[in-house]
PDB file of N, CA and C in Angstrom:
ATOM      1  N   GLN A   1      12.867   0.718  -0.780  1.00  0.00           N
ATOM      2  CA  GLN A   1      12.135   0.613   0.342  1.00  0.00           C
ATOM      3  C   GLN A   1      10.664   0.995   0.185  1.00  0.00           C
ATOM      4  N   VAL A   2       9.688   0.187   0.698  1.00  0.00           N
ATOM      5  CA  VAL A   2       8.389   0.499   0.848  1.00  0.00           C
ATOM      6  C   VAL A   2       7.624   0.575   2.334  1.00  0.00           C
ATOM      7  N   GLN A   3       7.081   1.409   2.652  1.00  0.00           N
ATOM      8  CA  GLN A   3       6.453   1.422   3.866  1.00  0.00           C
ATOM      9  C   GLN A   3       4.908   1.515   3.735  1.00  0.00           C
ATOM     10  N   LEU A   4       4.262   0.648   4.574  1.00  0.00           N
ATOM     11  CA  LEU A   4       2.866   0.340   4.433  1.00  0.00           C
ATOM     12  C   LEU A   4       2.209   0.777   5.716  1.00  0.00           C
ATOM     13  N   VAL A   5       1.269   1.382   5.823  1.00  0.00           N
ATOM     14  CA  VAL A   5       0.670   1.975   7.000  1.00  0.00           C
ATOM     15  C   VAL A   5      -0.934   1.575   6.963  1.00  0.00           C
ATOM     16  N   GLU A   6      -1.447   0.857   7.742  1.00  0.00           N
ATOM     17  CA  GLU A   6      -2.775   0.570   7.468  1.00  0.00           C
ATOM     18  C   GLU A   6      -3.653   1.438   8.496  1.00  0.00           C
ATOM     19  N   SER A   7      -5.006   1.661   8.206  1.00  0.00           N
ATOM     20  CA  SER A   7      -5.764   2.387   9.157  1.00  0.00           C
ATOM     21  C   SER A   7      -7.255   1.904   8.984  1.00  0.00           C
ATOM     22  N   GLY A   8      -8.103   2.128   9.825  1.00  0.00           N
ATOM     23  CA  GLY A   8      -9.375   2.027   9.608  1.00  0.00           C
ATOM     24  C   GLY A   8      -9.998   0.873  10.445  1.00  0.00           C
ATOM     25  N   GLY A   9      -9.273   0.191  11.148  1.00  0.00           N
ATOM     26  CA  GLY A   9      -9.825  -1.089  11.859  1.00  0.00           C
ATOM     27  C   GLY A   9     -10.548  -0.548  13.042  1.00  0.00           C
ATOM     28  N   GLY A  10     -11.182  -1.423  13.787  1.00  0.00           N
ATOM     29  CA  GLY A  10     -12.075  -1.170  14.790  1.00  0.00           C
ATOM     30  C   GLY A  10     -13.032  -2.242  15.291  1.00  0.00           C
ATOM     31  N   LEU A  11     -13.988  -1.791  16.122  1.00  0.00           N
ATOM     32  CA  LEU A  11     -14.931  -2.663  16.496  1.00  0.00           C
ATOM     33  C   LEU A  11     -16.377  -2.477  15.646  1.00  0.00           C
ATOM     34  N   VAL A  12     -16.992  -3.555  15.158  1.00  0.00           N
ATOM     35  CA  VAL A  12     -18.190  -3.313  14.526  1.00  0.00           C
ATOM     36  C   VAL A  12     -18.989  -4.430  14.894  1.00  0.00           C
ATOM     37  N   GLN A  13     -20.373  -4.246  14.658  1.00  0.00           N
ATOM     38  CA  GLN A  13     -21.379  -5.281  14.985  1.00  0.00           C
ATOM     39  C   GLN A  13     -21.485  -5.969  13.671  1.00  0.00           C
ATOM     40  N   ALA A  14     -21.858  -7.341  13.815  1.00  0.00           N
ATOM     41  CA  ALA A  14     -22.078  -8.116  12.633  1.00  0.00           C
ATOM     42  C   ALA A  14     -23.164  -7.409  11.758  1.00  0.00           C
ATOM     43  N   GLY A  15     -22.825  -7.480  10.479  1.00  0.00           N
ATOM     44  CA  GLY A  15     -23.798  -6.932   9.446  1.00  0.00           C
ATOM     45  C   GLY A  15     -23.177  -5.572   9.142  1.00  0.00           C
ATOM     46  N   GLY A  16     -22.475  -4.875   9.841  1.00  0.00           N
ATOM     47  CA  GLY A  16     -21.825  -3.529   9.712  1.00  0.00           C
ATOM     48  C   GLY A  16     -20.745  -3.659   8.574  1.00  0.00           C
ATOM     49  N   SER A  17     -20.195  -2.437   8.427  1.00  0.00           N
ATOM     50  CA  SER A  17     -19.231  -2.148   7.451  1.00  0.00           C
ATOM     51  C   SER A  17     -18.126  -1.484   8.061  1.00  0.00           C
ATOM     52  N   LEU A  18     -16.915  -1.716   7.471  1.00  0.00           N
ATOM     53  CA  LEU A  18     -15.737  -1.001   7.666  1.00  0.00           C
ATOM     54  C   LEU A  18     -14.904  -0.862   6.245  1.00  0.00           C
ATOM     55  N   THR A  19     -14.045   0.361   6.293  1.00  0.00           N
ATOM     56  CA  THR A  19     -13.085   0.389   5.266  1.00  0.00           C
ATOM     57  C   THR A  19     -11.764   0.523   5.826  1.00  0.00           C
ATOM     58  N   LEU A  20     -10.923  -0.207   5.341  1.00  0.00           N
ATOM     59  CA  LEU A  20      -9.338  -0.202   5.676  1.00  0.00           C
ATOM     60  C   LEU A  20      -8.697   0.494   4.686  1.00  0.00           C
ATOM     61  N   SER A  21      -7.676   1.154   4.777  1.00  0.00           N
ATOM     62  CA  SER A  21      -6.719   2.045   3.998  1.00  0.00           C
ATOM     63  C   SER A  21      -5.464   1.738   4.289  1.00  0.00           C
ATOM     64  N   CYS A  22      -4.684   1.462   3.359  1.00  0.00           N
ATOM     65  CA  CYS A  22      -3.178   1.191   3.371  1.00  0.00           C
ATOM     66  C   CYS A  22      -2.419   2.543   2.484  1.00  0.00           C
ATOM     67  N   ALA A  23      -1.839   3.151   3.267  1.00  0.00           N
ATOM     68  CA  ALA A  23      -1.079   4.375   2.666  1.00  0.00           C
ATOM     69  C   ALA A  23       0.490   3.851   2.445  1.00  0.00           C
ATOM     70  N   ALA A  24       1.030   3.785   1.197  1.00  0.00           N
ATOM     71  CA  ALA A  24       2.183   3.272   0.739  1.00  0.00           C
ATOM     72  C   ALA A  24       3.412   4.397   0.589  1.00  0.00           C
ATOM     73  N   SER A  25       4.490   4.297   1.013  1.00  0.00           N
ATOM     74  CA  SER A  25       5.605   5.322   0.610  1.00  0.00           C
ATOM     75  C   SER A  25       6.233   4.768  -0.661  1.00  0.00           C
ATOM     76  N   GLY A  26       7.093   5.633  -1.121  1.00  0.00           N
ATOM     77  CA  GLY A  26       7.915   5.232  -2.291  1.00  0.00           C
ATOM     78  C   GLY A  26       7.377   5.536  -3.531  1.00  0.00           C
ATOM     79  N   SER A  27       8.103   5.428  -4.780  1.00  0.00           N
ATOM     80  CA  SER A  27       7.753   5.772  -6.074  1.00  0.00           C
ATOM     81  C   SER A  27       7.195   4.792  -6.924  1.00  0.00           C
ATOM     82  N   THR A  28       7.263   3.423  -6.300  1.00  0.00           N
ATOM     83  CA  THR A  28       7.098   2.462  -7.183  1.00  0.00           C
ATOM     84  C   THR A  28       5.477   1.741  -7.107  1.00  0.00           C
ATOM     85  N   PHE A  29       4.730   2.534  -6.466  1.00  0.00           N
ATOM     86  CA  PHE A  29       3.514   2.027  -6.143  1.00  0.00           C
ATOM     87  C   PHE A  29       2.598   1.457  -7.101  1.00  0.00           C
ATOM     88  N   ALA A  30       2.561   2.249  -8.404  1.00  0.00           N
ATOM     89  CA  ALA A  30       1.858   1.849  -9.445  1.00  0.00           C
ATOM     90  C   ALA A  30       2.227   0.553 -10.015  1.00  0.00           C
ATOM     91  N   SER A  31       3.287   0.182  -9.867  1.00  0.00           N
ATOM     92  CA  SER A  31       3.768  -1.101 -10.467  1.00  0.00           C
ATOM     93  C   SER A  31       3.803  -2.230  -9.469  1.00  0.00           C
ATOM     94  N   ASN A  32       3.210  -1.939  -8.318  1.00  0.00           N
ATOM     95  CA  ASN A  32       3.303  -3.057  -7.147  1.00  0.00           C
ATOM     96  C   ASN A  32       1.973  -3.772  -7.306  1.00  0.00           C
ATOM     97  N   THR A  33       2.090  -5.152  -6.981  1.00  0.00           N
ATOM     98  CA  THR A  33       0.774  -5.742  -6.765  1.00  0.00           C
ATOM     99  C   THR A  33       0.468  -5.391  -5.221  1.00  0.00           C
ATOM    100  N   MET A  34      -0.687  -5.207  -5.021  1.00  0.00           N
ATOM    101  CA  MET A  34      -1.134  -4.932  -3.595  1.00  0.00           C
ATOM    102  C   MET A  34      -2.109  -5.864  -3.222  1.00  0.00           C
ATOM    103  N   ALA A  35      -2.171  -6.106  -1.805  1.00  0.00           N
ATOM    104  CA  ALA A  35      -3.095  -6.942  -1.310  1.00  0.00           C
ATOM    105  C   ALA A  35      -3.449  -6.825   0.059  1.00  0.00           C
ATOM    106  N   TRP A  36      -4.414  -7.473   0.579  1.00  0.00           N
ATOM    107  CA  TRP A  36      -4.931  -7.459   2.040  1.00  0.00           C
ATOM    108  C   TRP A  36      -4.750  -9.139   2.340  1.00  0.00           C
ATOM    109  N   TYR A  37      -4.237  -9.134   3.706  1.00  0.00           N
ATOM    110  CA  TYR A  37      -4.031 -10.404   4.193  1.00  0.00           C
ATOM    111  C   TYR A  37      -4.833 -10.282   5.553  1.00  0.00           C
ATOM    112  N   ARG A  38      -5.259 -11.388   6.237  1.00  0.00           N
ATOM    113  CA  ARG A  38      -5.827 -11.403   7.583  1.00  0.00           C
ATOM    114  C   ARG A  38      -5.330 -12.472   8.310  1.00  0.00           C
ATOM    115  N   GLN A  39      -5.082 -12.279   9.625  1.00  0.00           N
ATOM    116  CA  GLN A  39      -4.689 -13.510  10.539  1.00  0.00           C
ATOM    117  C   GLN A  39      -5.551 -13.413  11.957  1.00  0.00           C
ATOM    118  N   ALA A  40      -6.177 -14.618  11.890  1.00  0.00           N
ATOM    119  CA  ALA A  40      -7.317 -14.555  13.211  1.00  0.00           C
ATOM    120  C   ALA A  40      -6.411 -15.242  14.340  1.00  0.00           C
ATOM    121  N   SER A  41      -6.730 -14.949  15.485  1.00  0.00           N
ATOM    122  CA  SER A  41      -5.862 -15.416  16.625  1.00  0.00           C
ATOM    123  C   SER A  41      -6.024 -17.095  16.516  1.00  0.00           C
ATOM    124  N   GLY A  42      -4.716 -17.721  16.640  1.00  0.00           N
ATOM    125  CA  GLY A  42      -4.410 -19.070  16.506  1.00  0.00           C
ATOM    126  C   GLY A  42      -4.566 -19.558  15.175  1.00  0.00           C
ATOM    127  N   LYS A  43      -4.794 -18.777  14.110  1.00  0.00           N
ATOM    128  CA  LYS A  43      -4.918 -19.231  12.794  1.00  0.00           C
ATOM    129  C   LYS A  43      -3.521 -18.669  11.789  1.00  0.00           C
ATOM    130  N   GLN A  44      -3.561 -19.307  10.724  1.00  0.00           N
ATOM    131  CA  GLN A  44      -2.646 -19.062   9.814  1.00  0.00           C
ATOM    132  C   GLN A  44      -3.070 -17.748   9.022  1.00  0.00           C
ATOM    133  N   ARG A  45      -1.790 -16.743   8.587  1.00  0.00           N
ATOM    134  CA  ARG A  45      -2.254 -15.668   7.731  1.00  0.00           C
ATOM    135  C   ARG A  45      -2.898 -16.196   6.417  1.00  0.00           C
ATOM    136  N   GLU A  46      -4.121 -15.499   5.875  1.00  0.00           N
ATOM    137  CA  GLU A  46      -4.787 -15.964   4.923  1.00  0.00           C
ATOM    138  C   GLU A  46      -4.971 -14.713   4.000  1.00  0.00           C
ATOM    139  N   LEU A  47      -4.834 -15.000   2.545  1.00  0.00           N
ATOM    140  CA  LEU A  47      -5.274 -13.892   1.644  1.00  0.00           C
ATOM    141  C   LEU A  47      -6.526 -13.554   1.595  1.00  0.00           C
ATOM    142  N   VAL A  48      -6.926 -12.262   1.735  1.00  0.00           N
ATOM    143  CA  VAL A  48      -8.185 -11.761   1.525  1.00  0.00           C
ATOM    144  C   VAL A  48      -8.615 -11.157   0.093  1.00  0.00           C
ATOM    145  N   ALA A  49      -7.701 -10.428  -0.406  1.00  0.00           N
ATOM    146  CA  ALA A  49      -7.992  -9.838  -1.726  1.00  0.00           C
ATOM    147  C   ALA A  49      -6.621  -9.356  -2.379  1.00  0.00           C
ATOM    148  N   THR A  50      -6.536  -9.392  -3.719  1.00  0.00           N
ATOM    149  CA  THR A  50      -5.295  -8.737  -4.287  1.00  0.00           C
ATOM    150  C   THR A  50      -5.740  -7.989  -5.563  1.00  0.00           C
ATOM    151  N   ILE A  51      -5.064  -6.963  -5.902  1.00  0.00           N
ATOM    152  CA  ILE A  51      -5.299  -6.185  -7.041  1.00  0.00           C
ATOM    153  C   ILE A  51      -4.034  -6.016  -7.726  1.00  0.00           C
ATOM    154  N   GLY A  52      -3.879  -6.243  -8.983  1.00  0.00           N
ATOM    155  CA  GLY A  52      -2.553  -6.306  -9.635  1.00  0.00           C
ATOM    156  C   GLY A  52      -2.405  -4.883 -10.271  1.00  0.00           C
ATOM    157  N   ARG A  53      -1.104  -4.747 -10.845  1.00  0.00           N
ATOM    158  CA  ARG A  53      -0.661  -3.565 -11.441  1.00  0.00           C
ATOM    159  C   ARG A  53      -1.693  -3.250 -12.520  1.00  0.00           C
ATOM    160  N   GLY A  54      -2.182  -3.831 -13.136  1.00  0.00           N
ATOM    161  CA  GLY A  54      -3.241  -3.514 -14.225  1.00  0.00           C
ATOM    162  C   GLY A  54      -4.587  -3.617 -13.759  1.00  0.00           C
ATOM    163  N   GLY A  55      -4.915  -3.718 -12.533  1.00  0.00           N
ATOM    164  CA  GLY A  55      -6.127  -3.455 -12.033  1.00  0.00           C
ATOM    165  C   GLY A  55      -6.828  -4.869 -11.821  1.00  0.00           C
ATOM    166  N   ASP A  56      -6.350  -6.014 -12.148  1.00  0.00           N
ATOM    167  CA  ASP A  56      -6.953  -7.288 -11.898  1.00  0.00           C
ATOM    168  C   ASP A  56      -7.275  -7.466 -10.522  1.00  0.00           C
ATOM    169  N   ILE A  57      -8.263  -8.199 -10.278  1.00  0.00           N
ATOM    170  CA  ILE A  57      -8.611  -8.302  -8.831  1.00  0.00           C
ATOM    171  C   ILE A  57      -9.143  -9.940  -8.666  1.00  0.00           C
ATOM    172  N   ASP A  58      -8.761 -10.298  -7.297  1.00  0.00           N
ATOM    173  CA  ASP A  58      -9.202 -11.713  -6.847  1.00  0.00           C
ATOM    174  C   ASP A  58      -9.485 -11.642  -5.628  1.00  0.00           C
ATOM    175  N   TYR A  59     -10.348 -12.377  -4.992  1.00  0.00           N
ATOM    176  CA  TYR A  59     -10.864 -12.476  -3.633  1.00  0.00           C
ATOM    177  C   TYR A  59     -10.874 -13.901  -3.156  1.00  0.00           C
ATOM    178  N   ALA A  60     -10.676 -14.048  -1.908  1.00  0.00           N
ATOM    179  CA  ALA A  60     -10.956 -15.261  -1.163  1.00  0.00           C
ATOM    180  C   ALA A  60     -12.443 -15.565  -1.250  1.00  0.00           C
ATOM    181  N   ASP A  61     -12.666 -16.934  -1.458  1.00  0.00           N
ATOM    182  CA  ASP A  61     -14.186 -17.351  -1.549  1.00  0.00           C
ATOM    183  C   ASP A  61     -15.003 -16.684  -0.386  1.00  0.00           C
ATOM    184  N   SER A  62     -14.410 -16.763   0.759  1.00  0.00           N
ATOM    185  CA  SER A  62     -15.069 -16.339   2.089  1.00  0.00           C
ATOM    186  C   SER A  62     -15.612 -14.905   2.057  1.00  0.00           C
ATOM    187  N   VAL A  63     -14.889 -14.091   1.196  1.00  0.00           N
ATOM    188  CA  VAL A  63     -15.284 -12.570   1.215  1.00  0.00           C
ATOM    189  C   VAL A  63     -16.092 -12.300   0.000  1.00  0.00           C
ATOM    190  N   LYS A  64     -16.040 -13.073  -1.174  1.00  0.00           N
ATOM    191  CA  LYS A  64     -16.554 -12.657  -2.454  1.00  0.00           C
ATOM    192  C   LYS A  64     -18.072 -12.208  -2.256  1.00  0.00           C
ATOM    193  N   GLY A  65     -18.159 -11.025  -2.843  1.00  0.00           N
ATOM    194  CA  GLY A  65     -19.571 -10.219  -2.616  1.00  0.00           C
ATOM    195  C   GLY A  65     -19.766  -9.450  -1.422  1.00  0.00           C
ATOM    196  N   ARG A  66     -18.803  -9.470  -0.570  1.00  0.00           N
ATOM    197  CA  ARG A  66     -18.892  -8.628   0.612  1.00  0.00           C
ATOM    198  C   ARG A  66     -17.837  -7.566   0.780  1.00  0.00           C
ATOM    199  N   PHE A  67     -16.708  -7.881   0.075  1.00  0.00           N
ATOM    200  CA  PHE A  67     -15.357  -7.070   0.290  1.00  0.00           C
ATOM    201  C   PHE A  67     -15.022  -6.625  -1.122  1.00  0.00           C
ATOM    202  N   THR A  68     -14.403  -5.377  -1.235  1.00  0.00           N
ATOM    203  CA  THR A  68     -14.196  -4.729  -2.248  1.00  0.00           C
ATOM    204  C   THR A  68     -12.828  -4.107  -2.184  1.00  0.00           C
ATOM    205  N   ILE A  69     -12.013  -4.497  -3.013  1.00  0.00           N
ATOM    206  CA  ILE A  69     -10.554  -4.008  -2.858  1.00  0.00           C
ATOM    207  C   ILE A  69     -10.371  -2.808  -4.177  1.00  0.00           C
ATOM    208  N   SER A  70      -9.682  -1.838  -3.917  1.00  0.00           N
ATOM    209  CA  SER A  70      -9.493  -0.648  -4.856  1.00  0.00           C
ATOM    210  C   SER A  70      -7.933  -0.094  -4.606  1.00  0.00           C
ATOM    211  N   ARG A  71      -7.636   0.571  -5.533  1.00  0.00           N
ATOM    212  CA  ARG A  71      -6.381   1.070  -5.434  1.00  0.00           C
ATOM    213  C   ARG A  71      -6.309   2.539  -6.106  1.00  0.00           C
ATOM    214  N   ASP A  72      -5.593   3.585  -5.610  1.00  0.00           N
ATOM    215  CA  ASP A  72      -5.617   4.893  -5.945  1.00  0.00           C
ATOM    216  C   ASP A  72      -3.952   5.210  -6.357  1.00  0.00           C
ATOM    217  N   ASN A  73      -3.543   4.954  -7.454  1.00  0.00           N
ATOM    218  CA  ASN A  73      -2.117   5.021  -7.616  1.00  0.00           C
ATOM    219  C   ASN A  73      -1.509   6.540  -7.566  1.00  0.00           C
ATOM    220  N   ASP A  74      -2.424   7.570  -7.763  1.00  0.00           N
ATOM    221  CA  ASP A  74      -2.064   8.892  -7.590  1.00  0.00           C
ATOM    222  C   ASP A  74      -1.613   9.232  -6.275  1.00  0.00           C
ATOM    223  N   LYS A  75      -2.641   8.616  -5.235  1.00  0.00           N
ATOM    224  CA  LYS A  75      -2.572   8.810  -3.825  1.00  0.00           C
ATOM    225  C   LYS A  75      -1.814   7.697  -3.089  1.00  0.00           C
ATOM    226  N   ALA A  76      -1.271   6.654  -3.890  1.00  0.00           N
ATOM    227  CA  ALA A  76      -0.432   5.659  -3.526  1.00  0.00           C
ATOM    228  C   ALA A  76      -1.213   4.918  -2.135  1.00  0.00           C
ATOM    229  N   THR A  77      -2.369   4.649  -2.413  1.00  0.00           N
ATOM    230  CA  THR A  77      -3.220   3.879  -1.356  1.00  0.00           C
ATOM    231  C   THR A  77      -4.034   2.728  -1.927  1.00  0.00           C
ATOM    232  N   VAL A  78      -4.358   1.668  -1.086  1.00  0.00           N
ATOM    233  CA  VAL A  78      -5.355   0.716  -1.477  1.00  0.00           C
ATOM    234  C   VAL A  78      -6.440   0.635  -0.367  1.00  0.00           C
ATOM    235  N   ARG A  79      -7.521   0.294  -0.665  1.00  0.00           N
ATOM    236  CA  ARG A  79      -8.610   0.341   0.332  1.00  0.00           C
ATOM    237  C   ARG A  79      -9.213  -1.119   0.208  1.00  0.00           C
ATOM    238  N   LEU A  80      -9.761  -1.414   1.438  1.00  0.00           N
ATOM    239  CA  LEU A  80     -10.660  -2.701   1.382  1.00  0.00           C
ATOM    240  C   LEU A  80     -12.037  -2.305   2.102  1.00  0.00           C
ATOM    241  N   GLN A  81     -13.043  -2.214   1.295  1.00  0.00           N
ATOM    242  CA  GLN A  81     -14.366  -1.939   1.620  1.00  0.00           C
ATOM    243  C   GLN A  81     -14.923  -3.325   2.240  1.00  0.00           C
ATOM    244  N   MET A  82     -15.316  -3.354   3.450  1.00  0.00           N
ATOM    245  CA  MET A  82     -15.965  -4.687   3.915  1.00  0.00           C
ATOM    246  C   MET A  82     -17.246  -4.301   4.510  1.00  0.00           C
ATOM    247  N   ASP A  83     -18.156  -5.149   3.810  1.00  0.00           N
ATOM    248  CA  ASP A  83     -19.554  -4.880   4.048  1.00  0.00           C
ATOM    249  C   ASP A  83     -20.165  -6.358   4.648  1.00  0.00           C
ATOM    250  N   SER A  84     -21.272  -6.160   5.333  1.00  0.00           N
ATOM    251  CA  SER A  84     -21.934  -7.485   5.616  1.00  0.00           C
ATOM    252  C   SER A  84     -20.939  -8.139   6.652  1.00  0.00           C
ATOM    253  N   LEU A  85     -20.257  -7.571   7.524  1.00  0.00           N
ATOM    254  CA  LEU A  85     -19.226  -8.253   8.231  1.00  0.00           C
ATOM    255  C   LEU A  85     -19.916  -9.235   9.009  1.00  0.00           C
ATOM    256  N   ARG A  86     -18.999 -10.391   9.382  1.00  0.00           N
ATOM    257  CA  ARG A  86     -19.410 -11.423  10.214  1.00  0.00           C
ATOM    258  C   ARG A  86     -18.455 -11.733  11.432  1.00  0.00           C
ATOM    259  N   PRO A  87     -18.609 -12.355  12.426  1.00  0.00           N
ATOM    260  CA  PRO A  87     -17.774 -12.506  13.545  1.00  0.00           C
ATOM    261  C   PRO A  87     -16.434 -13.221  12.896  1.00  0.00           C
ATOM    262  N   GLU A  88     -16.550 -14.237  11.854  1.00  0.00           N
ATOM    263  CA  GLU A  88     -15.541 -14.892  11.703  1.00  0.00           C
ATOM    264  C   GLU A  88     -14.560 -13.860  10.744  1.00  0.00           C
ATOM    265  N   ASP A  89     -15.036 -12.707  10.514  1.00  0.00           N
ATOM    266  CA  ASP A  89     -14.013 -11.805   9.908  1.00  0.00           C
ATOM    267  C   ASP A  89     -12.945 -11.047  10.712  1.00  0.00           C
ATOM    268  N   THR A  90     -13.380 -11.410  12.123  1.00  0.00           N
ATOM    269  CA  THR A  90     -12.363 -10.771  13.039  1.00  0.00           C
ATOM    270  C   THR A  90     -10.905 -11.252  12.908  1.00  0.00           C
ATOM    271  N   ALA A  91     -10.013 -10.392  12.817  1.00  0.00           N
ATOM    272  CA  ALA A  91      -8.709 -10.610  12.674  1.00  0.00           C
ATOM    273  C   ALA A  91      -7.934  -9.445  12.510  1.00  0.00           C
ATOM    274  N   THR A  92      -6.620  -9.659  12.465  1.00  0.00           N
ATOM    275  CA  THR A  92      -5.752  -8.458  12.157  1.00  0.00           C
ATOM    276  C   THR A  92      -5.451  -8.479  10.721  1.00  0.00           C
ATOM    277  N   TYR A  93      -5.677  -7.324  10.088  1.00  0.00           N
ATOM    278  CA  TYR A  93      -5.509  -7.182   8.797  1.00  0.00           C
ATOM    279  C   TYR A  93      -4.359  -6.579   8.358  1.00  0.00           C
ATOM    280  N   TYR A  94      -3.530  -7.187   7.348  1.00  0.00           N
ATOM    281  CA  TYR A  94      -2.325  -6.642   6.972  1.00  0.00           C
ATOM    282  C   TYR A  94      -2.354  -6.279   5.475  1.00  0.00           C
ATOM    283  N   CYS A  95      -1.597  -4.994   5.270  1.00  0.00           N
ATOM    284  CA  CYS A  95      -1.411  -4.700   3.845  1.00  0.00           C
ATOM    285  C   CYS A  95      -0.240  -5.262   3.337  1.00  0.00           C
ATOM    286  N   TYR A  96      -0.328  -5.539   2.075  1.00  0.00           N
ATOM    287  CA  TYR A  96       0.913  -6.378   1.340  1.00  0.00           C
ATOM    288  C   TYR A  96       1.269  -5.744   0.193  1.00  0.00           C
ATOM    289  N   ALA A  97       2.575  -5.613  -0.045  1.00  0.00           N
ATOM    290  CA  ALA A  97       3.042  -5.036  -1.550  1.00  0.00           C
ATOM    291  C   ALA A  97       4.045  -5.952  -1.964  1.00  0.00           C
ATOM    292  N   ARG A  98       4.012  -6.334  -3.321  1.00  0.00           N
ATOM    293  CA  ARG A  98       4.949  -6.931  -4.067  1.00  0.00           C
ATOM    294  C   ARG A  98       5.491  -6.316  -5.181  1.00  0.00           C
ATOM    295  N   ARG A  99       6.713  -5.892  -5.022  1.00  0.00           N
ATOM    296  CA  ARG A  99       7.482  -4.996  -6.049  1.00  0.00           C
ATOM    297  C   ARG A  99       7.559  -5.867  -7.534  1.00  0.00           C
ATOM    298  N   TYR A 100       7.695  -5.238  -8.492  1.00  0.00           N
ATOM    299  CA  TYR A 100       7.799  -5.892  -9.798  1.00  0.00           C
ATOM    300  C   TYR A 100       9.028  -6.770  -9.822  1.00  0.00           C
ATOM    301  N   SER A 101      10.051  -6.560  -8.785  1.00  0.00           N
ATOM    302  CA  SER A 101      11.401  -7.259  -8.727  1.00  0.00           C
ATOM    303  C   SER A 101      11.066  -8.652  -7.726  1.00  0.00           C
ATOM    304  N   GLY A 102      10.050  -8.710  -7.204  1.00  0.00           N
ATOM    305  CA  GLY A 102       9.442  -9.720  -6.278  1.00  0.00           C
ATOM    306  C   GLY A 102       9.667  -9.479  -4.929  1.00  0.00           C
ATOM    307  N   ILE A 103      10.269  -8.469  -4.530  1.00  0.00           N
ATOM    308  CA  ILE A 103      10.476  -7.994  -3.077  1.00  0.00           C
ATOM    309  C   ILE A 103       9.021  -7.836  -2.408  1.00  0.00           C
ATOM    310  N   ILE A 104       8.815  -8.283  -1.269  1.00  0.00           N
ATOM    311  CA  ILE A 104       7.454  -8.224  -0.634  1.00  0.00           C
ATOM    312  C   ILE A 104       7.537  -7.419   0.716  1.00  0.00           C
ATOM    313  N   TYR A 105       6.732  -6.513   0.867  1.00  0.00           N
ATOM    314  CA  TYR A 105       6.622  -5.677   2.028  1.00  0.00           C
ATOM    315  C   TYR A 105       5.223  -5.928   2.801  1.00  0.00           C
ATOM    316  N   TRP A 106       5.403  -5.821   4.224  1.00  0.00           N
ATOM    317  CA  TRP A 106       4.028  -6.022   4.996  1.00  0.00           C
ATOM    318  C   TRP A 106       3.877  -4.619   5.812  1.00  0.00           C
ATOM    319  N   GLY A 107       2.683  -4.392   6.076  1.00  0.00           N
ATOM    320  CA  GLY A 107       2.430  -3.476   7.054  1.00  0.00           C
ATOM    321  C   GLY A 107       2.338  -4.163   8.386  1.00  0.00           C
ATOM    322  N   LYS A 108       2.124  -3.166   9.433  1.00  0.00           N
ATOM    323  CA  LYS A 108       2.118  -3.803  10.740  1.00  0.00           C
ATOM    324  C   LYS A 108       0.665  -4.395  11.218  1.00  0.00           C
ATOM    325  N   GLY A 109      -0.263  -4.029  10.386  1.00  0.00           N
ATOM    326  CA  GLY A 109      -1.520  -4.554  10.760  1.00  0.00           C
ATOM    327  C   GLY A 109      -2.560  -3.582  11.421  1.00  0.00           C
ATOM    328  N   THR A 110      -3.954  -3.889  11.061  1.00  0.00           N
ATOM    329  CA  THR A 110      -4.779  -3.116  11.944  1.00  0.00           C
ATOM    330  C   THR A 110      -6.078  -4.083  12.383  1.00  0.00           C
ATOM    331  N   LEU A 111      -6.371  -4.053  13.498  1.00  0.00           N
ATOM    332  CA  LEU A 111      -7.191  -5.112  14.150  1.00  0.00           C
ATOM    333  C   LEU A 111      -8.800  -4.776  13.752  1.00  0.00           C
ATOM    334  N   VAL A 112      -9.411  -5.854  13.214  1.00  0.00           N
ATOM    335  CA  VAL A 112     -10.841  -5.652  12.892  1.00  0.00           C
ATOM    336  C   VAL A 112     -11.581  -6.688  13.873  1.00  0.00           C
ATOM    337  N   THR A 113     -12.452  -6.056  14.587  1.00  0.00           N
ATOM    338  CA  THR A 113     -13.243  -7.144  15.495  1.00  0.00           C
ATOM    339  C   THR A 113     -14.795  -6.953  15.319  1.00  0.00           C
ATOM    340  N   VAL A 114     -15.480  -8.018  15.019  1.00  0.00           N
ATOM    341  CA  VAL A 114     -16.779  -8.037  14.730  1.00  0.00           C
ATOM    342  C   VAL A 114     -17.429  -8.841  15.741  1.00  0.00           C
ATOM    343  N   SER A 115     -18.365  -8.171  16.405  1.00  0.00           N
ATOM    344  CA  SER A 115     -19.267  -8.626  17.393  1.00  0.00           C
ATOM    345  C   SER A 115     -20.527  -9.204  16.963  1.00  0.00           C
ATOM    346  N   SER A 116     -20.994 -10.300  17.601  1.00  0.00           N
ATOM    347  CA  SER A 116     -22.261 -10.956  17.203  1.00  0.00           C
ATOM    348  C   SER A 116     -23.420 -10.364  17.865  1.00  0.00           C
TER     349      SER A 116
END
């Protein structure tokens, strides 16, 4: 079992920054692919950024150059640094983990609201 707990969401003005953190339980963190997804009201959940076991990183086009994903295997955490935030970044952000076996886990989400 993997439990994921997100933190760091909140209200920020457009152009501001926030850092989201996801703390993971379990001993398999280093072998997990980790990611952040988001879901805006009335929209489908979408991938924001991924970081693989080997540190390979990918971003959605909409956040490239503004968001940075990182992981700390010793602390079993994954972070999402969000800069130059826009109102369209408003969403609930979810932490995602995929174990080597393919089993997927989700956090409960943290709300990010960007005011214009």
